[in-house]
Amino acid sequence: MPVVVQVAGDGALFTQPGLTAERLSYSVMTPSAAVGVLEAIFWKPEIRYRIEKIEVLQPIRTFTLRRNETTDLAPLLEAAKGTRTVDTAANRVQRNAVCLKDVGYRIHAHIDLERHATKPAAAYLDQVGRRIESGRCFSQPFLGTREFPARFGVPDDADPFDVSAELGMMLHSIDYTVTPRQSRWFLARIENGVVHVPRYGITGEAAVVA
């Protein structure tokens, strides 16, 4: 049985990579964002979440938000050691972001076990199910960025919003185990309010060829 959780929020920003000056959200939640929601609710190093499909429960509407950002970013190692500070005031810039408004999704995912897992998948499935029912989480889930917190709970039987469209190349997942990190993609389509996610994405080079 898959993990199923329903999430909603007043806004969302699932930024399309490569658009660094002006943020533009995908029309629907990405699989990587869905994994982030599930890991915020329940995370163990013994498991990985594999998104199967995402149901869109609300009409796709957008709004524009002006955000303050900084162009001065410290390298991770220097930030961890505290050897470098960031002058946000001197390097502040304002950028527009096209965000999603009043969103709702139903996430369907499977649990894949890592090699060092000591329990069957059913045991972890039971744990995450109990956390969803009780509304507990390890950290606050968010919808793309931390300024858009997500409400979550057990799924209801509401029908997906009736919309179908080609979404183009969408971010599937990011592999942080290699340096530099590697993004994977898939050709996304929303059909009758449902985005089906393939088990494997393709690399950036293959996506360009496709």
Protein backbone atom coordinates (compact mmCIF):
# COMPACT_ATOMS: atom_id res chain seq x y z
CA MET A 1 0.00 0.00 0.00
CA PRO A 2 1.30 3.47 -0.83
CA VAL A 3 1.63 6.45 1.49
CA VAL A 4 -1.12 8.98 0.77
CA VAL A 5 -1.20 12.48 2.30
CA GLN A 6 -3.23 15.54 1.46
CA VAL A 7 -1.61 18.97 1.62
CA ALA A 8 -2.90 22.50 1.15
CA GLY A 9 -1.67 26.04 1.50
CA ASP A 10 -2.43 29.67 0.80
CA GLY A 11 0.44 29.81 -1.70
CA ALA A 12 3.26 27.83 -3.28
CA LEU A 13 6.39 28.43 -5.31
CA PHE A 14 7.88 25.43 -7.10
CA THR A 15 10.64 27.34 -8.87
CA GLN A 16 11.66 26.28 -12.34
CA PRO A 17 15.47 25.82 -12.37
CA GLY A 18 17.44 28.25 -14.49
CA LEU A 19 15.12 31.18 -13.80
CA THR A 20 17.28 32.88 -11.18
CA ALA A 21 16.43 36.53 -11.77
CA GLU A 22 12.64 36.20 -11.76
CA ARG A 23 11.13 33.18 -10.02
CA LEU A 24 8.47 31.33 -11.99
CA SER A 25 6.59 28.44 -10.41
CA TYR A 26 5.68 25.23 -12.16
CA SER A 27 1.91 24.92 -12.57
CA VAL A 28 1.77 22.02 -10.10
CA MET A 29 3.81 20.56 -7.27
CA THR A 30 7.01 18.81 -8.36
CA PRO A 31 7.91 15.27 -7.19
CA SER A 32 10.97 16.61 -5.35
CA ALA A 33 8.76 19.06 -3.43
CA ALA A 34 6.38 16.21 -2.59
CA VAL A 35 9.30 14.18 -1.20
CA GLY A 36 10.28 17.20 0.90
CA VAL A 37 6.79 17.31 2.44
CA LEU A 38 6.90 13.61 3.32
CA GLU A 39 10.40 13.82 4.78
CA ALA A 40 9.31 16.74 6.96
CA ILE A 41 6.52 14.55 8.35
CA PHE A 42 8.58 11.37 8.80
CA TRP A 43 12.21 10.75 7.88
CA LYS A 44 14.49 7.79 8.50
CA PRO A 45 17.84 7.06 6.80
CA GLU A 46 16.56 3.53 6.11
CA ILE A 47 13.90 4.64 3.62
CA ARG A 48 13.35 6.69 0.48
CA TYR A 49 10.06 8.06 -0.78
CA ARG A 50 9.22 7.42 -4.43
CA ILE A 51 6.40 9.59 -5.73
CA GLU A 52 3.87 7.74 -7.90
CA LYS A 53 1.35 10.46 -8.66
CA ILE A 54 0.18 13.89 -7.54
CA GLU A 55 -3.49 14.85 -7.70
CA VAL A 56 -4.34 18.54 -8.13
CA LEU A 57 -7.36 19.44 -5.98
CA GLN A 58 -7.71 23.17 -6.63
CA PRO A 59 -7.85 25.35 -9.76
CA ILE A 60 -4.41 26.51 -10.93
CA ARG A 61 -4.21 30.22 -10.14
CA THR A 62 -1.20 32.51 -9.87
CA PHE A 63 -0.19 35.79 -8.25
CA THR A 64 2.93 37.93 -8.31
CA LEU A 65 5.04 38.47 -5.21
CA ARG A 66 8.01 40.80 -4.79
CA ARG A 67 10.65 39.21 -2.56
CA ASN A 68 13.84 40.51 -0.94
CA GLU A 69 16.83 38.28 -1.67
CA THR A 70 20.58 38.54 -1.21
CA THR A 71 23.24 38.07 -3.85
CA ASP A 72 25.95 37.46 -1.24
CA LEU A 73 26.01 33.76 -0.40
CA ALA A 74 28.63 32.11 1.78
CA PRO A 75 30.02 28.70 0.77
CA LEU A 76 28.51 25.91 2.88
CA LEU A 77 31.82 25.00 4.56
CA GLU A 78 32.56 28.59 5.54
CA ALA A 79 29.02 29.10 6.81
CA ALA A 80 29.23 25.93 8.93
CA LYS A 81 32.54 27.04 10.47
CA GLY A 82 31.29 30.59 11.03
CA THR A 83 34.34 32.03 9.28
CA ARG A 84 32.35 34.18 6.89
CA THR A 85 29.38 36.43 7.42
CA VAL A 86 26.84 37.55 4.84
CA ASP A 87 26.06 41.24 4.43
CA THR A 88 22.40 40.99 3.47
CA ALA A 89 21.74 44.73 3.77
CA ALA A 90 24.45 45.72 1.28
CA ASN A 91 23.59 42.94 -1.18
CA ARG A 92 19.80 42.99 -1.04
CA VAL A 93 17.86 42.86 -4.31
CA GLN A 94 14.14 42.77 -5.02
CA ARG A 95 12.89 40.12 -7.41
CA ASN A 96 9.45 39.23 -8.65
CA ALA A 97 8.08 35.72 -8.25
CA VAL A 98 5.07 34.21 -10.00
CA CYS A 99 3.53 31.96 -7.35
CA LEU A 100 0.53 29.63 -7.08
CA LYS A 101 -2.50 30.65 -5.03
CA ASP A 102 -4.75 28.53 -2.76
CA VAL A 103 -3.28 25.13 -3.65
CA GLY A 104 -4.27 21.62 -2.68
CA TYR A 105 -2.66 18.29 -3.57
CA ARG A 106 -3.02 14.61 -2.78
CA ILE A 107 0.39 12.90 -2.82
CA HIS A 108 0.74 9.17 -3.49
CA ALA A 109 4.16 7.65 -2.74
CA HIS A 110 5.83 4.31 -2.15
CA ILE A 111 8.49 3.56 0.45
CA ASP A 112 11.69 2.01 -0.90
CA LEU A 113 14.04 0.42 1.62
CA GLU A 114 17.75 1.16 1.75
CA ARG A 115 20.13 -1.78 2.11
CA HIS A 116 20.73 -1.11 5.80
CA ALA A 117 17.02 -1.12 6.68
CA THR A 118 16.22 -3.47 9.58
CA LYS A 119 12.41 -3.44 9.32
CA PRO A 120 9.95 -4.30 6.57
CA ALA A 121 8.39 -1.50 4.55
CA ALA A 122 5.05 -2.08 6.31
CA ALA A 123 6.56 -0.99 9.63
CA TYR A 124 7.70 2.36 8.25
CA LEU A 125 4.40 2.74 6.40
CA ASP A 126 2.56 2.34 9.70
CA GLN A 127 4.75 4.96 11.37
CA VAL A 128 4.27 7.61 8.70
CA GLY A 129 0.53 6.86 8.59
CA ARG A 130 0.18 7.46 12.33
CA ARG A 131 2.07 10.75 12.07
CA ILE A 132 -0.19 11.94 9.25
CA GLU A 133 -3.30 11.03 11.25
CA SER A 134 -2.08 12.85 14.36
CA GLY A 135 -0.73 15.88 12.48
CA ARG A 136 2.80 15.44 13.83
CA CYS A 137 5.93 16.30 11.85
CA PHE A 138 9.69 16.54 12.38
CA SER A 139 9.76 20.00 10.80
CA GLN A 140 7.17 22.29 9.24
CA PRO A 141 6.38 21.07 5.70
CA PHE A 142 6.38 23.80 3.07
CA LEU A 143 5.25 24.21 -0.51
CA GLY A 144 8.40 24.97 -2.48
CA THR A 145 9.76 27.70 -0.18
CA ARG A 146 9.58 28.15 3.59
CA GLU A 147 7.42 31.26 3.30
CA PHE A 148 4.57 28.99 2.13
CA PRO A 149 3.87 26.49 4.96
CA ALA A 150 1.78 23.43 4.16
CA ARG A 151 -1.18 22.08 6.07
CA PHE A 152 -1.37 18.29 5.88
CA GLY A 153 -3.67 15.48 6.94
CA VAL A 154 -5.37 12.25 5.94
CA PRO A 155 -6.70 12.20 2.37
CA ASP A 156 -10.37 12.68 1.60
CA ASP A 157 -12.33 11.41 -1.40
CA ALA A 158 -12.57 14.73 -3.27
CA ASP A 159 -12.18 14.40 -7.02
CA PRO A 160 -9.12 16.03 -8.65
CA PHE A 161 -9.73 19.33 -10.40
CA ASP A 162 -10.65 18.57 -14.01
CA VAL A 163 -7.73 19.99 -15.98
CA SER A 164 -5.43 18.50 -18.62
CA ALA A 165 -2.32 20.12 -20.08
CA GLU A 166 1.23 19.48 -21.22
CA LEU A 167 3.64 20.78 -18.56
CA GLY A 168 6.92 20.26 -20.41
CA MET A 169 10.13 19.15 -18.75
CA MET A 170 9.72 19.07 -14.97
CA LEU A 171 12.25 18.44 -12.22
CA HIS A 172 11.95 14.80 -11.10
CA SER A 173 14.61 14.55 -8.39
CA ILE A 174 18.07 15.73 -7.36
CA ASP A 175 20.89 13.30 -6.60
CA TYR A 176 22.96 14.76 -3.77
CA THR A 177 25.26 11.71 -3.53
CA VAL A 178 27.40 12.87 -6.47
CA THR A 179 29.49 16.00 -6.94
CA PRO A 180 28.32 18.16 -8.54
CA ARG A 181 24.75 17.24 -7.67
CA GLN A 182 22.75 15.84 -10.59
CA SER A 183 19.22 16.85 -11.53
CA ARG A 184 16.83 14.41 -13.18
CA TRP A 185 13.81 15.34 -15.27
CA PHE A 186 10.66 13.92 -16.83
CA LEU A 187 8.19 15.03 -19.48
CA ALA A 188 5.22 15.98 -17.33
CA ARG A 189 1.55 16.05 -18.23
CA ILE A 190 -1.49 16.69 -16.07
CA GLU A 191 -4.42 14.57 -17.20
CA ASN A 192 -7.83 14.99 -15.58
CA GLY A 193 -6.12 16.60 -12.61
CA VAL A 194 -3.48 13.89 -12.10
CA VAL A 195 0.28 14.01 -12.75
CA HIS A 196 1.76 10.51 -13.05
CA VAL A 197 5.44 10.37 -12.12
CA PRO A 198 7.77 7.79 -13.73
CA ARG A 199 9.93 5.72 -11.43
CA TYR A 200 13.14 7.13 -12.92
CA GLY A 201 13.95 10.56 -14.30
CA ILE A 202 16.45 11.35 -17.03
CA THR A 203 19.65 13.38 -16.64
CA GLY A 204 20.00 16.96 -17.74
CA GLU A 205 21.96 15.98 -20.86
CA ALA A 206 19.31 13.49 -21.95
CA ALA A 207 16.55 15.99 -21.23
CA VAL A 208 18.16 18.53 -23.57
CA VAL A 209 18.31 15.93 -26.34
CA ALA A 210 14.66 14.96 -25.73
